[in-house]
Amino acid sequence: NHMNAEDQNKDYFTIEVAPMELIPCSVFYFLEMVRTYQSGSFHRNAGHVLQAQAKTEATHGHKSMPFQEYSAYYPHAKYTTGYAGRPSGPGWYVSIQDNTRNHGPGTQQDHNPYEADSLFGKLTEDDMEHNLRVINAIHSVPQKGWLDKENHIQIPKLTLLVQSSSGGGGNGCPLWIPWKSPVASSSSSSSQ
């Protein structure tokens, strides 16, 4: 198949959200960002993280998380995803190394030994080879640190995947399909 240069620069990576019982606010905030996503880009290529900015209906006016949320059962390991800033969000990052000492408890504020950056997920293990190829390509941008606007890596869309109720995808693996809002699904089915 012939691909033009623009298509060759398009790819994806997959994030699995953390267990809701560990960090429910962080996960919910990210799901709302995905559900109402408008635009975004990777705008920072640091030695320890790739940081993205996002514009969503959920974060309109730069709404951050209501508080810093952290669980010792879900630490800042390599390839986890967390929120930047105080309070956290709507900027987020992919850790490209173990960031326990950079973003874990007690690393952000001298007066609070418990506060840490909030996490919401990690790159999926099932597709790690593909995920790493994409993350490494983003990290290979020649400019380091805060990127000039022309070097931002655009994120054209975020897609929430859910397990299909119609069975697996073969080899005992679940079949993942794009989530559709019940409102959008019912209006589109009534117009058919």
Protein backbone atom coordinates (compact mmCIF):
# COMPACT_ATOMS: atom_id res chain seq x y z
CA ASN A 1 0.00 0.00 0.00
CA HIS A 2 1.14 3.50 -0.79
CA MET A 3 1.21 5.86 2.21
CA ASN A 4 1.87 9.56 1.98
CA ALA A 5 4.32 11.24 4.37
CA GLU A 6 1.50 12.57 6.57
CA ASP A 7 0.05 9.06 7.10
CA GLN A 8 3.49 7.68 7.94
CA ASN A 9 3.69 10.09 10.87
CA LYS A 10 0.40 8.93 12.42
CA ASP A 11 0.37 6.25 15.08
CA TYR A 12 -1.10 5.45 18.48
CA PHE A 13 -0.27 4.01 21.87
CA THR A 14 -2.59 2.42 24.40
CA ILE A 15 -3.06 3.30 28.08
CA GLU A 16 -4.72 0.99 30.58
CA VAL A 17 -6.32 2.95 33.41
CA ALA A 18 -5.44 2.12 36.99
CA PRO A 19 -7.87 0.18 39.20
CA MET A 20 -10.70 2.51 40.20
CA GLU A 21 -10.54 1.35 43.83
CA LEU A 22 -6.97 2.69 44.15
CA ILE A 23 -7.20 6.15 42.57
CA PRO A 24 -10.83 6.78 41.56
CA CYS A 25 -10.68 10.55 41.12
CA SER A 26 -7.58 10.38 38.91
CA VAL A 27 -9.07 7.69 36.68
CA PHE A 28 -12.44 9.45 36.42
CA TYR A 29 -10.73 12.74 35.53
CA PHE A 30 -8.82 11.05 32.69
CA LEU A 31 -11.94 9.26 31.41
CA GLU A 32 -13.74 12.61 31.31
CA MET A 33 -10.79 14.14 29.45
CA VAL A 34 -10.99 11.34 26.86
CA ARG A 35 -14.79 11.57 26.59
CA THR A 36 -14.74 15.34 25.95
CA TYR A 37 -11.36 15.60 24.15
CA GLN A 38 -10.93 18.46 21.67
CA SER A 39 -7.21 18.78 20.98
CA GLY A 40 -3.76 18.40 22.45
CA SER A 41 -0.09 17.75 21.85
CA PHE A 42 3.11 16.56 23.44
CA HIS A 43 4.89 19.80 24.27
CA ARG A 44 7.70 18.67 26.58
CA ASN A 45 10.42 16.12 25.87
CA ALA A 46 12.24 15.78 29.18
CA GLY A 47 14.75 13.14 30.21
CA HIS A 48 12.22 11.47 32.49
CA VAL A 49 8.77 12.23 30.97
CA LEU A 50 6.95 13.06 27.77
CA GLN A 51 4.42 15.71 28.74
CA ALA A 52 1.17 16.51 26.93
CA GLN A 53 -1.33 19.32 27.11
CA ALA A 54 -5.00 18.71 26.50
CA LYS A 55 -8.01 20.86 25.69
CA THR A 56 -11.28 19.19 26.66
CA GLU A 57 -14.75 20.19 27.73
CA ALA A 58 -14.02 18.56 31.10
CA THR A 59 -11.01 20.85 31.68
CA HIS A 60 -12.40 24.01 30.03
CA GLY A 61 -10.88 26.99 31.81
CA HIS A 62 -7.91 24.86 32.96
CA LYS A 63 -9.84 22.87 35.58
CA SER A 64 -7.47 20.70 37.55
CA MET A 65 -8.11 17.72 39.77
CA PRO A 66 -9.78 18.70 43.07
CA PHE A 67 -6.86 17.24 45.07
CA GLN A 68 -3.64 15.27 44.68
CA GLU A 69 -4.47 11.54 44.76
CA TYR A 70 -1.87 8.80 45.17
CA SER A 71 -1.75 5.13 46.10
CA ALA A 72 1.39 3.32 47.22
CA TYR A 73 -0.09 0.29 45.40
CA TYR A 74 0.25 2.15 42.10
CA PRO A 75 3.69 3.82 42.20
CA HIS A 76 5.44 6.00 39.60
CA ALA A 77 6.99 3.08 37.72
CA LYS A 78 8.39 3.28 34.20
CA TYR A 79 5.64 3.76 31.58
CA THR A 80 3.00 4.93 34.03
CA THR A 81 0.90 7.97 33.14
CA GLY A 82 0.31 10.85 35.53
CA TYR A 83 -0.77 14.45 35.80
CA ALA A 84 1.55 17.44 35.78
CA GLY A 85 1.24 20.52 37.95
CA ARG A 86 -0.28 21.64 41.24
CA PRO A 87 -3.03 20.83 41.53
CA SER A 88 -2.72 18.04 38.98
CA GLY A 89 -3.90 18.34 35.39
CA PRO A 90 -5.03 18.91 32.79
CA GLY A 91 -1.46 18.41 31.60
CA TRP A 92 -0.36 14.79 31.77
CA TYR A 93 2.76 12.73 31.08
CA VAL A 94 4.16 9.31 30.26
CA SER A 95 7.05 8.34 32.54
CA ILE A 96 9.95 7.06 30.45
CA GLN A 97 11.80 5.92 33.56
CA ASP A 98 10.89 4.97 37.12
CA ASN A 99 9.86 8.36 38.52
CA THR A 100 9.32 7.47 42.16
CA ARG A 101 12.09 9.90 43.17
CA ASN A 102 10.89 12.64 40.80
CA HIS A 103 7.12 12.46 41.28
CA GLY A 104 6.44 10.09 44.20
CA PRO A 105 5.53 10.94 47.81
CA GLY A 106 7.46 13.83 49.33
CA THR A 107 9.17 14.88 46.11
CA GLN A 108 7.05 17.88 45.17
CA GLN A 109 6.77 19.89 48.38
CA ASP A 110 9.23 20.02 51.26
CA HIS A 111 6.48 20.71 53.78
CA ASN A 112 4.33 17.73 52.73
CA PRO A 113 6.13 14.36 52.75
CA TYR A 114 3.01 12.53 51.53
CA GLU A 115 1.96 14.48 48.45
CA ALA A 116 2.81 13.03 45.04
CA ASP A 117 1.78 13.55 41.45
CA SER A 118 -1.49 11.79 40.70
CA LEU A 119 -1.32 8.78 38.38
CA PHE A 120 -4.12 7.42 36.22
CA GLY A 121 -2.70 4.51 34.22
CA LYS A 122 0.14 2.85 32.38
CA LEU A 123 1.03 1.73 28.89
CA THR A 124 -0.63 -1.61 28.17
CA GLU A 125 1.51 -4.71 28.56
CA ASP A 126 -0.37 -6.52 25.75
CA ASP A 127 0.82 -4.03 23.15
CA MET A 128 4.07 -2.93 24.80
CA GLU A 129 6.33 -3.47 21.78
CA HIS A 130 4.14 -1.17 19.68
CA ASN A 131 3.68 1.31 22.56
CA LEU A 132 7.45 1.58 23.05
CA ARG A 133 8.07 2.14 19.35
CA VAL A 134 5.67 5.11 19.44
CA ILE A 135 6.94 6.51 22.76
CA ASN A 136 10.55 6.19 21.59
CA ALA A 137 9.67 7.98 18.33
CA ILE A 138 8.15 10.87 20.30
CA HIS A 139 11.15 10.95 22.64
CA SER A 140 13.52 11.04 19.65
CA VAL A 141 12.39 14.54 18.65
CA PRO A 142 15.69 16.44 18.37
CA GLN A 143 14.59 19.24 20.69
CA LYS A 144 14.70 18.50 24.43
CA GLY A 145 12.82 20.21 27.24
CA TRP A 146 9.89 22.50 26.41
CA LEU A 147 9.27 22.17 22.68
CA ASP A 148 8.87 25.05 20.28
CA LYS A 149 5.33 25.11 18.87
CA GLU A 150 6.46 23.78 15.49
CA ASN A 151 7.97 20.71 17.24
CA HIS A 152 4.84 19.78 19.22
CA ILE A 153 3.60 16.26 18.46
CA GLN A 154 -0.13 16.60 17.85
CA ILE A 155 -2.62 14.24 19.48
CA PRO A 156 -5.56 14.38 17.06
CA LYS A 157 -7.86 12.19 19.14
CA LEU A 158 -8.22 10.06 22.25
CA THR A 159 -10.39 6.94 22.05
CA LEU A 160 -11.85 5.12 25.03
CA LEU A 161 -11.88 1.35 24.42
CA VAL A 162 -14.15 -1.08 26.28
CA GLN A 163 -14.45 -4.85 26.19
CA SER A 164 -16.95 -6.09 23.65
CA SER A 165 -19.96 -7.90 25.07
CA SER A 166 -20.01 -10.14 21.98
CA GLY A 167 -16.96 -12.19 22.94
CA GLY A 168 -13.22 -12.32 22.56
CA GLY A 169 -10.83 -11.26 19.89
CA GLY A 170 -9.23 -14.70 19.46
CA ASN A 171 -6.46 -16.53 21.30
CA GLY A 172 -8.40 -16.08 24.54
CA CYS A 173 -7.83 -12.28 24.39
CA PRO A 174 -10.70 -9.85 24.93
CA LEU A 175 -12.02 -7.86 22.00
CA TRP A 176 -11.68 -4.11 22.60
CA ILE A 177 -14.00 -1.73 20.78
CA PRO A 178 -14.44 2.06 20.85
CA TRP A 179 -16.87 3.22 23.55
CA LYS A 180 -19.92 5.10 22.31
CA SER A 181 -21.94 7.41 24.49
CA PRO A 182 -25.40 5.96 25.18
CA VAL A 183 -26.87 9.32 24.11
CA ALA A 184 -24.95 9.29 20.82
CA SER A 185 -25.76 5.60 20.22
CA SER A 186 -29.48 6.01 20.78
CA SER A 187 -29.75 9.10 18.57
CA SER A 188 -27.77 7.48 15.74
CA SER A 189 -29.85 4.27 15.88
CA SER A 190 -33.13 6.21 15.82
CA SER A 191 -32.08 8.05 12.68
CA GLN A 192 -31.47 4.84 10.72
